[in-house]
Amino acid sequence: MPLPDKEIIELYKQDPESGLKAVFDKYYVKLCVFAVSFAGDMETAEDIVQSLFVKFWEEKNLLEVKTSLSSYLFFSVRNACINYLVREKRNQQKMDAYQREKQFLLHTDEFPQDTHFETLEKHIEDLPERCRSVLELVFFHGHSYKQAAENLNISVNTVKTQLSRALTQLRKKIGILIIF
């Protein structure tokens, strides 16, 4: 027979390992079933719930429970599931964009390759001097940000800023052809 929540919390305060085991024994299956309604499959749901228990162990979060233990656990699982879904959606969007770029690049043989490089070179030449220097050092000469900063006598943050500006300008001018 599982312990009541209040006794589990007291046990957790005295002996976190035994208390967490009691929480696990009482709620693990229920939390996994609940997580399936968000995640869609049991394996993912179990991963989410297990990660949450690891977090409870590492951060000792259960000491902060002000509401009922059950509510705290289910809200925690719900939030972890939502975070998982947001990450998955973001990853899917990145994968879709990658696939679109890959498809585009597979069909670039319809256009003369020299045109792409000439266009790129022209737009790089049109960049402000500092942006162009940073871009060339980092991408064409393989320098790290730190090496580029030392070479140009500027800070690493300036290198990052100038590189970001250069790439932004190039993307605006020639769009998908830039894949840095």
Foldseek 3Di string as FASTA:
>chain_A
DQDAQVVLLVCCVVPVVVSLVSCCVVPVVVQLVLLCVLPVDSVVSNVLLVVVSVVCVVVVCSNVDPDGPVVVSNVSSVVSSVVVVVVVVVVVVVVVVVVVLVVVVVPCVVDDPVVLVVQLVVLLVVQPPVLSQLCCCCPVVVDDLVRSCVVVVHDSVVSVVSPVVSVVSSCVVPNSSDDD
